[in-house]
Amino acid sequence: MKKVDEIADFARLMKQAINTTFTGSPEAVHFAVLGLASSLHVLIEDVPGVGKTTLAKATAQAAGLSFSRIQFTPDMLPGDVLGMNVWNPSKNEFVFRAGSINAQCILADELNRTSPRTQSAFLEAMQEGQTTVDVVTRYLPQPFFMIATQNPQNFTGTFPLPEAELDRFGISLSIGYPSKEDELTILSTDHSKKIEPIANPEIISEIRKSINEIKINPIVQKFIVDIIRGTRTNSHIRLGASPRASVFLQQAAKTQAAFENRDFVMPEDVLKVCTAVLQHRILLSSSAQLDHLDSKLVIQEVCSRIPLPSGL
């Protein structure tokens, strides 16, 4: 089991390592590392060329995990991802050929460019860390972590991700365009440089187990539930967050606390991760869209209506 100061050091070193090849949003780097440590899959939605793939590869390299990139296209089939049984004439039998999902860190690049049929191939893998092909279940390499990228929905050739799949992503974020200074730095950065790992699969697994042991007061748990329930009664939200969101929000808050060298969760930890955990889970009402509101603003409104617990 790792102590919280070791987890905080891990987070700091991971961010430093990633920043040797990725230049851009510190918040994006923070939540990529937080997702890895808390076993929450990450969804990145942004325009092409802002560093989504670079961030994912850098995270895998710094963590010392095996890495597989899956570039999605409209004609891709579930078997291309999960693997399939192929006929081997020399053995006169079917032999399983593993798919590209069989790695510890997966980059599902432009996931919403493929059909819903292929998108759904990830549901079992994301929830249970396993795949089933022709009634045979196979466990994926552990620790398993997935970073998916998607293009904005108004881009040509995109298929919206189903709500069931969106709900399985623990964290969503957007990198955004870099500042002028960052863009100048990008021009002088060696993007082919390989990052030296600062961890390995065993360390990541230990960190995840330790984070599960972070203490959380029942008052803070009630605060989490109140926020989630607040998304279901807000007039700007057509579809609120699920009970799974409560579990993921608690897990992300525990990791945030550990990153700040604490073995207990404060309400402020919940607020720091709330938008990243919830913004992709809610569907806005038509009135909210007419008022040009976005998910971030609505979630902030929900949180502002919940009294902050005191006396912990």
C-alpha atoms as a PDB file:
ATOM      1  CA  MET A   1       0.000   0.000   0.000  1.00  0.00           C
ATOM      2  CA  LYS A   2       1.234   3.464  -0.899  1.00  0.00           C
ATOM      3  CA  LYS A   3       1.206   6.367   1.566  1.00  0.00           C
ATOM      4  CA  VAL A   4      -0.516   9.588   0.509  1.00  0.00           C
ATOM      5  CA  ASP A   5       2.792  11.451   0.273  1.00  0.00           C
ATOM      6  CA  GLU A   6       4.010   8.802  -2.201  1.00  0.00           C
ATOM      7  CA  ILE A   7       0.830   9.224  -4.242  1.00  0.00           C
ATOM      8  CA  ALA A   8       1.291  13.016  -4.239  1.00  0.00           C
ATOM      9  CA  ASP A   9       4.898  12.556  -5.412  1.00  0.00           C
ATOM     10  CA  PHE A  10       3.694  10.177  -8.130  1.00  0.00           C
ATOM     11  CA  ALA A  11       1.236  12.795  -9.412  1.00  0.00           C
ATOM     12  CA  ARG A  12       3.901  15.498  -9.437  1.00  0.00           C
ATOM     13  CA  LEU A  13       6.464  13.337 -11.267  1.00  0.00           C
ATOM     14  CA  MET A  14       3.863  12.136 -13.788  1.00  0.00           C
ATOM     15  CA  LYS A  15       2.921  15.705 -14.660  1.00  0.00           C
ATOM     16  CA  GLN A  16       6.566  16.690 -15.048  1.00  0.00           C
ATOM     17  CA  ALA A  17       7.236  13.722 -17.329  1.00  0.00           C
ATOM     18  CA  ILE A  18       4.173  14.357 -19.494  1.00  0.00           C
ATOM     19  CA  ASN A  19       5.071  18.029 -19.866  1.00  0.00           C
ATOM     20  CA  THR A  20       8.377  17.104 -21.516  1.00  0.00           C
ATOM     21  CA  THR A  21       6.474  16.263 -24.711  1.00  0.00           C
ATOM     22  CA  PHE A  22       3.008  17.752 -24.179  1.00  0.00           C
ATOM     23  CA  THR A  23       2.574  21.516 -24.053  1.00  0.00           C
ATOM     24  CA  GLY A  24      -0.813  22.940 -23.194  1.00  0.00           C
ATOM     25  CA  SER A  25      -3.526  22.884 -20.569  1.00  0.00           C
ATOM     26  CA  PRO A  26      -2.215  21.978 -17.074  1.00  0.00           C
ATOM     27  CA  GLU A  27      -5.791  21.025 -16.177  1.00  0.00           C
ATOM     28  CA  ALA A  28      -5.852  18.430 -18.961  1.00  0.00           C
ATOM     29  CA  VAL A  29      -2.601  16.889 -17.694  1.00  0.00           C
ATOM     30  CA  HIS A  30      -3.925  16.861 -14.126  1.00  0.00           C
ATOM     31  CA  PHE A  31      -7.130  15.038 -15.030  1.00  0.00           C
ATOM     32  CA  ALA A  32      -5.332  12.562 -17.295  1.00  0.00           C
ATOM     33  CA  VAL A  33      -3.119  11.558 -14.355  1.00  0.00           C
ATOM     34  CA  LEU A  34      -6.091  11.621 -11.969  1.00  0.00           C
ATOM     35  CA  GLY A  35      -8.033   9.287 -14.267  1.00  0.00           C
ATOM     36  CA  LEU A  36      -5.097   6.879 -14.430  1.00  0.00           C
ATOM     37  CA  ALA A  37      -4.642   6.804 -10.642  1.00  0.00           C
ATOM     38  CA  SER A  38      -8.345   6.467  -9.854  1.00  0.00           C
ATOM     39  CA  SER A  39      -9.125   3.859 -12.550  1.00  0.00           C
ATOM     40  CA  LEU A  40     -11.511   6.254 -14.331  1.00  0.00           C
ATOM     41  CA  HIS A  41     -11.441   6.239 -18.120  1.00  0.00           C
ATOM     42  CA  VAL A  42     -10.928   9.624 -19.765  1.00  0.00           C
ATOM     43  CA  LEU A  43     -12.792  11.176 -22.703  1.00  0.00           C
ATOM     44  CA  ILE A  44     -11.192  14.121 -24.519  1.00  0.00           C
ATOM     45  CA  GLU A  45     -13.359  16.144 -26.906  1.00  0.00           C
ATOM     46  CA  ASP A  46     -11.627  18.779 -28.985  1.00  0.00           C
ATOM     47  CA  VAL A  47     -10.724  19.857 -32.496  1.00  0.00           C
ATOM     48  CA  PRO A  48      -7.933  18.001 -34.324  1.00  0.00           C
ATOM     49  CA  GLY A  49      -4.332  18.978 -33.738  1.00  0.00           C
ATOM     50  CA  VAL A  50      -4.382  20.304 -30.163  1.00  0.00           C
ATOM     51  CA  GLY A  51      -2.442  17.388 -28.640  1.00  0.00           C
ATOM     52  CA  LYS A  52      -5.023  14.780 -27.643  1.00  0.00           C
ATOM     53  CA  THR A  53      -2.946  11.873 -28.967  1.00  0.00           C
ATOM     54  CA  THR A  54       0.291  13.338 -27.598  1.00  0.00           C
ATOM     55  CA  LEU A  55      -1.232  13.606 -24.115  1.00  0.00           C
ATOM     56  CA  ALA A  56      -2.485  10.004 -24.187  1.00  0.00           C
ATOM     57  CA  LYS A  57       0.830   8.544 -25.393  1.00  0.00           C
ATOM     58  CA  ALA A  58       2.813  10.603 -22.902  1.00  0.00           C
ATOM     59  CA  THR A  59       0.597   9.390 -20.049  1.00  0.00           C
ATOM     60  CA  ALA A  60       1.091   5.741 -21.017  1.00  0.00           C
ATOM     61  CA  GLN A  61       4.862   6.126 -21.437  1.00  0.00           C
ATOM     62  CA  ALA A  62       5.318   7.970 -18.129  1.00  0.00           C
ATOM     63  CA  ALA A  63       3.282   5.307 -16.305  1.00  0.00           C
ATOM     64  CA  GLY A  64       5.281   2.459 -17.864  1.00  0.00           C
ATOM     65  CA  LEU A  65       2.183   0.777 -19.314  1.00  0.00           C
ATOM     66  CA  SER A  66       1.875  -1.179 -22.538  1.00  0.00           C
ATOM     67  CA  PHE A  67       0.164   1.010 -25.123  1.00  0.00           C
ATOM     68  CA  SER A  68      -2.147   0.464 -28.064  1.00  0.00           C
ATOM     69  CA  ARG A  69      -3.618   3.093 -30.338  1.00  0.00           C
ATOM     70  CA  ILE A  70      -6.831   2.336 -32.191  1.00  0.00           C
ATOM     71  CA  GLN A  71      -7.605   4.736 -35.035  1.00  0.00           C
ATOM     72  CA  PHE A  72     -11.339   4.553 -35.682  1.00  0.00           C
ATOM     73  CA  THR A  73     -12.936   4.745 -39.104  1.00  0.00           C
ATOM     74  CA  PRO A  74     -16.558   4.273 -40.249  1.00  0.00           C
ATOM     75  CA  ASP A  75     -15.883   0.789 -41.656  1.00  0.00           C
ATOM     76  CA  MET A  76     -14.233  -0.648 -38.526  1.00  0.00           C
ATOM     77  CA  LEU A  77     -15.889  -3.730 -37.004  1.00  0.00           C
ATOM     78  CA  PRO A  78     -16.043  -4.939 -33.365  1.00  0.00           C
ATOM     79  CA  GLY A  79     -13.742  -7.840 -34.250  1.00  0.00           C
ATOM     80  CA  ASP A  80     -11.017  -5.397 -35.260  1.00  0.00           C
ATOM     81  CA  VAL A  81     -11.035  -4.116 -31.667  1.00  0.00           C
ATOM     82  CA  LEU A  82     -11.842  -7.173 -29.556  1.00  0.00           C
ATOM     83  CA  GLY A  83     -10.207  -9.858 -31.683  1.00  0.00           C
ATOM     84  CA  MET A  84     -11.754 -12.750 -33.582  1.00  0.00           C
ATOM     85  CA  ASN A  85     -11.474 -16.454 -34.243  1.00  0.00           C
ATOM     86  CA  VAL A  86      -9.802 -17.148 -37.591  1.00  0.00           C
ATOM     87  CA  TRP A  87      -9.460 -20.460 -39.388  1.00  0.00           C
ATOM     88  CA  ASN A  88      -5.985 -22.008 -39.287  1.00  0.00           C
ATOM     89  CA  PRO A  89      -5.731 -24.563 -42.129  1.00  0.00           C
ATOM     90  CA  SER A  90      -2.496 -26.107 -40.821  1.00  0.00           C
ATOM     91  CA  LYS A  91      -4.103 -26.905 -37.446  1.00  0.00           C
ATOM     92  CA  ASN A  92      -7.545 -27.515 -38.954  1.00  0.00           C
ATOM     93  CA  GLU A  93      -9.171 -25.387 -36.241  1.00  0.00           C
ATOM     94  CA  PHE A  94     -10.164 -21.862 -35.328  1.00  0.00           C
ATOM     95  CA  VAL A  95      -7.496 -19.844 -33.530  1.00  0.00           C
ATOM     96  CA  PHE A  96      -8.172 -16.659 -31.583  1.00  0.00           C
ATOM     97  CA  ARG A  97      -6.367 -13.594 -32.889  1.00  0.00           C
ATOM     98  CA  ALA A  98      -6.239 -10.908 -30.196  1.00  0.00           C
ATOM     99  CA  GLY A  99      -7.522  -7.450 -31.041  1.00  0.00           C
ATOM    100  CA  SER A 100      -5.859  -4.109 -30.467  1.00  0.00           C
ATOM    101  CA  ILE A 101      -7.695  -3.603 -27.156  1.00  0.00           C
ATOM    102  CA  ASN A 102      -5.304  -6.043 -25.463  1.00  0.00           C
ATOM    103  CA  ALA A 103      -2.993  -3.535 -23.809  1.00  0.00           C
ATOM    104  CA  GLN A 104      -2.882  -1.782 -20.447  1.00  0.00           C
ATOM    105  CA  CYS A 105      -3.385   1.725 -21.847  1.00  0.00           C
ATOM    106  CA  ILE A 106      -5.669   2.184 -24.838  1.00  0.00           C
ATOM    107  CA  LEU A 107      -5.965   5.288 -26.974  1.00  0.00           C
ATOM    108  CA  ALA A 108      -9.316   5.116 -28.775  1.00  0.00           C
ATOM    109  CA  ASP A 109      -8.613   7.855 -31.296  1.00  0.00           C
ATOM    110  CA  GLU A 110     -11.623   9.625 -32.827  1.00  0.00           C
ATOM    111  CA  LEU A 111     -14.007   7.119 -31.257  1.00  0.00           C
ATOM    112  CA  ASN A 112     -17.066   8.908 -32.617  1.00  0.00           C
ATOM    113  CA  ARG A 113     -15.965   8.378 -36.224  1.00  0.00           C
ATOM    114  CA  THR A 114     -16.953   4.708 -36.041  1.00  0.00           C
ATOM    115  CA  SER A 115     -20.427   3.181 -35.991  1.00  0.00           C
ATOM    116  CA  PRO A 116     -22.462   2.639 -32.794  1.00  0.00           C
ATOM    117  CA  ARG A 117     -22.028  -1.116 -33.287  1.00  0.00           C
ATOM    118  CA  THR A 118     -18.248  -0.811 -32.941  1.00  0.00           C
ATOM    119  CA  GLN A 119     -18.482   1.811 -30.201  1.00  0.00           C
ATOM    120  CA  SER A 120     -20.490  -0.634 -28.101  1.00  0.00           C
ATOM    121  CA  ALA A 121     -17.606  -3.128 -28.228  1.00  0.00           C
ATOM    122  CA  PHE A 122     -15.981  -1.138 -25.429  1.00  0.00           C
ATOM    123  CA  LEU A 123     -18.833  -1.364 -22.923  1.00  0.00           C
ATOM    124  CA  GLU A 124     -17.782  -4.642 -21.276  1.00  0.00           C
ATOM    125  CA  ALA A 125     -14.099  -3.728 -21.387  1.00  0.00           C
ATOM    126  CA  MET A 126     -14.648  -0.356 -19.706  1.00  0.00           C
ATOM    127  CA  GLN A 127     -16.942  -1.685 -16.987  1.00  0.00           C
ATOM    128  CA  GLU A 128     -15.465  -5.096 -16.184  1.00  0.00           C
ATOM    129  CA  GLY A 129     -11.954  -5.120 -17.680  1.00  0.00           C
ATOM    130  CA  GLN A 130     -12.728  -8.090 -19.900  1.00  0.00           C
ATOM    131  CA  THR A 131     -13.966  -8.980 -23.370  1.00  0.00           C
ATOM    132  CA  THR A 132     -16.190 -11.775 -24.629  1.00  0.00           C
ATOM    133  CA  VAL A 133     -15.805 -13.199 -28.142  1.00  0.00           C
ATOM    134  CA  ASP A 134     -17.822 -16.239 -29.222  1.00  0.00           C
ATOM    135  CA  VAL A 135     -18.944 -16.915 -25.617  1.00  0.00           C
ATOM    136  CA  VAL A 136     -15.328 -17.040 -24.372  1.00  0.00           C
ATOM    137  CA  THR A 137     -14.426 -14.348 -21.822  1.00  0.00           C
ATOM    138  CA  ARG A 138     -10.845 -13.072 -21.626  1.00  0.00           C
ATOM    139  CA  TYR A 139      -9.473 -10.650 -19.055  1.00  0.00           C
ATOM    140  CA  LEU A 140      -7.628  -7.577 -20.244  1.00  0.00           C
ATOM    141  CA  PRO A 141      -4.104  -6.703 -19.044  1.00  0.00           C
ATOM    142  CA  GLN A 142      -4.148  -4.905 -15.710  1.00  0.00           C
ATOM    143  CA  PRO A 143      -4.111  -2.118 -14.767  1.00  0.00           C
ATOM    144  CA  PHE A 144      -6.446  -1.261 -17.649  1.00  0.00           C
ATOM    145  CA  PHE A 145      -6.906   2.387 -18.602  1.00  0.00           C
ATOM    146  CA  MET A 146      -8.569   3.937 -21.626  1.00  0.00           C
ATOM    147  CA  ILE A 147      -8.283   7.424 -23.072  1.00  0.00           C
ATOM    148  CA  ALA A 148     -10.719   8.156 -25.878  1.00  0.00           C
ATOM    149  CA  THR A 149     -10.806  11.208 -28.114  1.00  0.00           C
ATOM    150  CA  GLN A 150     -13.747  12.470 -30.093  1.00  0.00           C
ATOM    151  CA  ASN A 151     -14.293  15.253 -32.577  1.00  0.00           C
ATOM    152  CA  PRO A 152     -17.005  17.877 -32.006  1.00  0.00           C
ATOM    153  CA  GLN A 153     -20.444  16.589 -32.995  1.00  0.00           C
ATOM    154  CA  ASN A 154     -20.811  19.143 -35.820  1.00  0.00           C
ATOM    155  CA  PHE A 155     -17.793  17.692 -37.642  1.00  0.00           C
ATOM    156  CA  THR A 156     -18.376  15.651 -40.790  1.00  0.00           C
ATOM    157  CA  GLY A 157     -18.578  11.872 -40.401  1.00  0.00           C
ATOM    158  CA  THR A 158     -19.230  11.605 -36.667  1.00  0.00           C
ATOM    159  CA  PHE A 159     -21.598   9.270 -34.806  1.00  0.00           C
ATOM    160  CA  PRO A 160     -22.783  10.444 -31.374  1.00  0.00           C
ATOM    161  CA  LEU A 161     -21.570   8.246 -28.525  1.00  0.00           C
ATOM    162  CA  PRO A 162     -24.517   6.484 -26.825  1.00  0.00           C
ATOM    163  CA  GLU A 163     -25.408   7.619 -23.304  1.00  0.00           C
ATOM    164  CA  ALA A 164     -24.549   4.162 -21.908  1.00  0.00           C
ATOM    165  CA  GLU A 165     -20.977   4.510 -23.147  1.00  0.00           C
ATOM    166  CA  LEU A 166     -20.598   8.147 -22.104  1.00  0.00           C
ATOM    167  CA  ASP A 167     -21.658   7.153 -18.598  1.00  0.00           C
ATOM    168  CA  ARG A 168     -18.765   4.685 -18.368  1.00  0.00           C
ATOM    169  CA  PHE A 169     -16.181   7.415 -18.853  1.00  0.00           C
ATOM    170  CA  GLY A 170     -15.166   8.691 -15.444  1.00  0.00           C
ATOM    171  CA  ILE A 171     -13.706  11.997 -16.611  1.00  0.00           C
ATOM    172  CA  SER A 172     -14.113  14.243 -19.630  1.00  0.00           C
ATOM    173  CA  LEU A 173     -12.027  17.237 -20.584  1.00  0.00           C
ATOM    174  CA  SER A 174     -11.114  19.603 -23.373  1.00  0.00           C
ATOM    175  CA  ILE A 175      -7.559  20.740 -24.087  1.00  0.00           C
ATOM    176  CA  GLY A 176      -8.347  23.899 -26.036  1.00  0.00           C
ATOM    177  CA  TYR A 177      -6.012  25.971 -28.154  1.00  0.00           C
ATOM    178  CA  PRO A 178      -2.645  26.770 -26.517  1.00  0.00           C
ATOM    179  CA  SER A 179      -1.564  30.240 -25.492  1.00  0.00           C
ATOM    180  CA  LYS A 180       0.863  32.125 -27.741  1.00  0.00           C
ATOM    181  CA  GLU A 181       3.758  31.249 -25.419  1.00  0.00           C
ATOM    182  CA  ASP A 182       2.791  27.573 -25.374  1.00  0.00           C
ATOM    183  CA  GLU A 183       2.488  27.491 -29.157  1.00  0.00           C
ATOM    184  CA  LEU A 184       5.990  28.923 -29.474  1.00  0.00           C
ATOM    185  CA  THR A 185       7.205  26.207 -27.089  1.00  0.00           C
ATOM    186  CA  ILE A 186       5.518  23.549 -29.220  1.00  0.00           C
ATOM    187  CA  LEU A 187       7.587  24.645 -32.223  1.00  0.00           C
ATOM    188  CA  SER A 188      10.826  23.971 -30.361  1.00  0.00           C
ATOM    189  CA  THR A 189       9.763  20.729 -28.650  1.00  0.00           C
ATOM    190  CA  ASP A 190      11.082  17.355 -29.790  1.00  0.00           C
ATOM    191  CA  HIS A 191       7.821  15.427 -30.067  1.00  0.00           C
ATOM    192  CA  SER A 192       9.604  12.198 -31.036  1.00  0.00           C
ATOM    193  CA  LYS A 193      11.317  12.090 -27.635  1.00  0.00           C
ATOM    194  CA  LYS A 194      10.423   8.995 -25.629  1.00  0.00           C
ATOM    195  CA  ILE A 195       9.513   9.585 -21.999  1.00  0.00           C
ATOM    196  CA  GLU A 196      11.363   7.605 -19.354  1.00  0.00           C
ATOM    197  CA  PRO A 197       8.804   5.773 -17.165  1.00  0.00           C
ATOM    198  CA  ILE A 198       8.483   6.975 -13.588  1.00  0.00           C
ATOM    199  CA  ALA A 199       6.221   4.060 -12.624  1.00  0.00           C
ATOM    200  CA  ASN A 200       5.215   0.556 -13.707  1.00  0.00           C
ATOM    201  CA  PRO A 201       2.013  -1.527 -13.732  1.00  0.00           C
ATOM    202  CA  GLU A 202       2.620  -2.810 -10.190  1.00  0.00           C
ATOM    203  CA  ILE A 203       3.002   0.716  -8.811  1.00  0.00           C
ATOM    204  CA  ILE A 204      -0.157   1.899 -10.592  1.00  0.00           C
ATOM    205  CA  SER A 205      -2.101  -1.037  -9.146  1.00  0.00           C
ATOM    206  CA  GLU A 206      -0.829  -0.273  -5.640  1.00  0.00           C
ATOM    207  CA  ILE A 207      -1.774   3.387  -5.995  1.00  0.00           C
ATOM    208  CA  ARG A 208      -5.294   2.452  -7.052  1.00  0.00           C
ATOM    209  CA  LYS A 209      -5.702   0.162  -4.043  1.00  0.00           C
ATOM    210  CA  SER A 210      -4.387   2.869  -1.709  1.00  0.00           C
ATOM    211  CA  ILE A 211      -6.778   5.468  -3.103  1.00  0.00           C
ATOM    212  CA  ASN A 212      -9.679   3.152  -2.313  1.00  0.00           C
ATOM    213  CA  GLU A 213      -8.613   3.363   1.331  1.00  0.00           C
ATOM    214  CA  ILE A 214      -8.820   7.178   1.488  1.00  0.00           C
ATOM    215  CA  LYS A 215     -11.331   8.111   4.201  1.00  0.00           C
ATOM    216  CA  ILE A 216     -14.506  10.015   3.402  1.00  0.00           C
ATOM    217  CA  ASN A 217     -16.946  11.373   5.973  1.00  0.00           C
ATOM    218  CA  PRO A 218     -20.642  10.415   5.551  1.00  0.00           C
ATOM    219  CA  ILE A 219     -21.388  14.161   5.483  1.00  0.00           C
ATOM    220  CA  VAL A 220     -19.208  14.513   2.372  1.00  0.00           C
ATOM    221  CA  GLN A 221     -20.891  11.472   0.840  1.00  0.00           C
ATOM    222  CA  LYS A 222     -24.257  13.150   1.406  1.00  0.00           C
ATOM    223  CA  PHE A 223     -22.841  16.272  -0.308  1.00  0.00           C
ATOM    224  CA  ILE A 224     -21.941  14.115  -3.330  1.00  0.00           C
ATOM    225  CA  VAL A 225     -25.407  12.558  -3.469  1.00  0.00           C
ATOM    226  CA  ASP A 226     -27.066  15.974  -3.159  1.00  0.00           C
ATOM    227  CA  ILE A 227     -25.089  17.241  -6.156  1.00  0.00           C
ATOM    228  CA  ILE A 228     -26.000  14.198  -8.249  1.00  0.00           C
ATOM    229  CA  ARG A 229     -29.667  14.456  -7.296  1.00  0.00           C
ATOM    230  CA  GLY A 230     -29.532  18.176  -8.056  1.00  0.00           C
ATOM    231  CA  THR A 231     -28.747  17.370 -11.694  1.00  0.00           C
ATOM    232  CA  ARG A 232     -32.010  15.384 -11.910  1.00  0.00           C
ATOM    233  CA  THR A 233     -34.252  18.245 -10.766  1.00  0.00           C
ATOM    234  CA  ASN A 234     -32.600  21.208 -12.483  1.00  0.00           C
ATOM    235  CA  SER A 235     -34.790  22.830 -15.132  1.00  0.00           C
ATOM    236  CA  HIS A 236     -31.832  23.235 -17.484  1.00  0.00           C
ATOM    237  CA  ILE A 237     -31.095  19.493 -17.515  1.00  0.00           C
ATOM    238  CA  ARG A 238     -33.109  16.995 -19.539  1.00  0.00           C
ATOM    239  CA  LEU A 239     -31.179  13.913 -18.368  1.00  0.00           C
ATOM    240  CA  GLY A 240     -29.442  13.976 -14.990  1.00  0.00           C
ATOM    241  CA  ALA A 241     -26.465  12.011 -13.698  1.00  0.00           C
ATOM    242  CA  SER A 242     -26.797   8.319 -12.825  1.00  0.00           C
ATOM    243  CA  PRO A 243     -25.894   6.563  -9.539  1.00  0.00           C
ATOM    244  CA  ARG A 244     -22.677   5.486 -11.286  1.00  0.00           C
ATOM    245  CA  ALA A 245     -21.788   9.180 -11.367  1.00  0.00           C
ATOM    246  CA  SER A 246     -21.954   9.249  -7.554  1.00  0.00           C
ATOM    247  CA  VAL A 247     -19.440   6.397  -7.364  1.00  0.00           C
ATOM    248  CA  PHE A 248     -17.107   8.017  -9.895  1.00  0.00           C
ATOM    249  CA  LEU A 249     -17.364  11.437  -8.231  1.00  0.00           C
ATOM    250  CA  GLN A 250     -16.393   9.933  -4.881  1.00  0.00           C
ATOM    251  CA  GLN A 251     -13.471   8.060  -6.469  1.00  0.00           C
ATOM    252  CA  ALA A 252     -12.209  11.185  -8.232  1.00  0.00           C
ATOM    253  CA  ALA A 253     -12.513  13.217  -5.006  1.00  0.00           C
ATOM    254  CA  LYS A 254     -10.496  10.587  -3.117  1.00  0.00           C
ATOM    255  CA  THR A 255      -7.750  10.818  -5.734  1.00  0.00           C
ATOM    256  CA  GLN A 256      -7.797  14.616  -5.609  1.00  0.00           C
ATOM    257  CA  ALA A 257      -7.327  14.428  -1.843  1.00  0.00           C
ATOM    258  CA  ALA A 258      -4.400  12.007  -2.209  1.00  0.00           C
ATOM    259  CA  PHE A 259      -2.783  14.264  -4.823  1.00  0.00           C
ATOM    260  CA  GLU A 260      -2.950  17.046  -2.226  1.00  0.00           C
ATOM    261  CA  ASN A 261      -1.232  14.795   0.332  1.00  0.00           C
ATOM    262  CA  ARG A 262      -4.318  14.090   2.456  1.00  0.00           C
ATOM    263  CA  ASP A 263      -5.834  10.768   3.519  1.00  0.00           C
ATOM    264  CA  PHE A 264      -9.342  12.185   3.837  1.00  0.00           C
ATOM    265  CA  VAL A 265     -11.752  13.902   1.447  1.00  0.00           C
ATOM    266  CA  MET A 266     -12.911  17.486   1.893  1.00  0.00           C
ATOM    267  CA  PRO A 267     -15.972  19.036   0.177  1.00  0.00           C
ATOM    268  CA  GLU A 268     -13.565  21.216  -1.815  1.00  0.00           C
ATOM    269  CA  ASP A 269     -12.095  18.063  -3.388  1.00  0.00           C
ATOM    270  CA  VAL A 270     -15.559  17.170  -4.663  1.00  0.00           C
ATOM    271  CA  LEU A 271     -16.038  20.624  -6.185  1.00  0.00           C
ATOM    272  CA  LYS A 272     -12.626  20.537  -7.899  1.00  0.00           C
ATOM    273  CA  VAL A 273     -13.455  17.364  -9.825  1.00  0.00           C
ATOM    274  CA  CYS A 274     -17.210  17.785 -10.155  1.00  0.00           C
ATOM    275  CA  THR A 275     -17.295  19.379 -13.603  1.00  0.00           C
ATOM    276  CA  ALA A 276     -14.833  16.906 -15.114  1.00  0.00           C
ATOM    277  CA  VAL A 277     -16.830  13.950 -13.781  1.00  0.00           C
ATOM    278  CA  LEU A 278     -20.322  15.195 -14.649  1.00  0.00           C
ATOM    279  CA  GLN A 279     -20.219  17.415 -17.730  1.00  0.00           C
ATOM    280  CA  HIS A 280     -20.450  14.575 -20.264  1.00  0.00           C
ATOM    281  CA  ARG A 281     -23.213  12.731 -18.349  1.00  0.00           C
ATOM    282  CA  ILE A 282     -25.972  15.316 -18.493  1.00  0.00           C
ATOM    283  CA  LEU A 283     -28.159  16.330 -21.407  1.00  0.00           C
ATOM    284  CA  LEU A 284     -29.246  19.955 -21.486  1.00  0.00           C
ATOM    285  CA  SER A 285     -32.849  20.967 -22.048  1.00  0.00           C
ATOM    286  CA  SER A 286     -33.858  22.855 -25.172  1.00  0.00           C
ATOM    287  CA  SER A 287     -34.369  26.027 -23.118  1.00  0.00           C
ATOM    288  CA  ALA A 288     -30.785  25.823 -21.823  1.00  0.00           C
ATOM    289  CA  GLN A 289     -29.496  25.445 -25.356  1.00  0.00           C
ATOM    290  CA  LEU A 290     -31.550  28.433 -26.491  1.00  0.00           C
ATOM    291  CA  ASP A 291     -30.005  30.427 -23.632  1.00  0.00           C
ATOM    292  CA  HIS A 292     -26.544  29.358 -24.904  1.00  0.00           C
ATOM    293  CA  LEU A 293     -25.711  27.568 -21.659  1.00  0.00           C
ATOM    294  CA  ASP A 294     -23.156  24.766 -21.620  1.00  0.00           C
ATOM    295  CA  SER A 295     -22.747  21.789 -19.313  1.00  0.00           C
ATOM    296  CA  LYS A 296     -20.002  23.418 -17.256  1.00  0.00           C
ATOM    297  CA  LEU A 297     -22.125  26.436 -16.390  1.00  0.00           C
ATOM    298  CA  VAL A 298     -25.138  24.309 -15.509  1.00  0.00           C
ATOM    299  CA  ILE A 299     -23.086  22.007 -13.245  1.00  0.00           C
ATOM    300  CA  GLN A 300     -21.593  25.040 -11.502  1.00  0.00           C
ATOM    301  CA  GLU A 301     -25.134  26.311 -10.971  1.00  0.00           C
ATOM    302  CA  VAL A 302     -26.186  22.965  -9.478  1.00  0.00           C
ATOM    303  CA  CYS A 303     -23.191  22.944  -7.110  1.00  0.00           C
ATOM    304  CA  SER A 304     -23.805  26.539  -6.020  1.00  0.00           C
ATOM    305  CA  ARG A 305     -27.283  25.572  -4.789  1.00  0.00           C
ATOM    306  CA  ILE A 306     -25.962  22.833  -2.485  1.00  0.00           C
ATOM    307  CA  PRO A 307     -24.799  24.128   0.929  1.00  0.00           C
ATOM    308  CA  LEU A 308     -21.124  23.389   1.555  1.00  0.00           C
ATOM    309  CA  PRO A 309     -20.751  21.017   4.551  1.00  0.00           C
ATOM    310  CA  SER A 310     -19.005  22.493   7.563  1.00  0.00           C
ATOM    311  CA  GLY A 311     -17.684  21.265  10.894  1.00  0.00           C
ATOM    312  CA  LEU A 312     -15.901  18.223   9.492  1.00  0.00           C
END
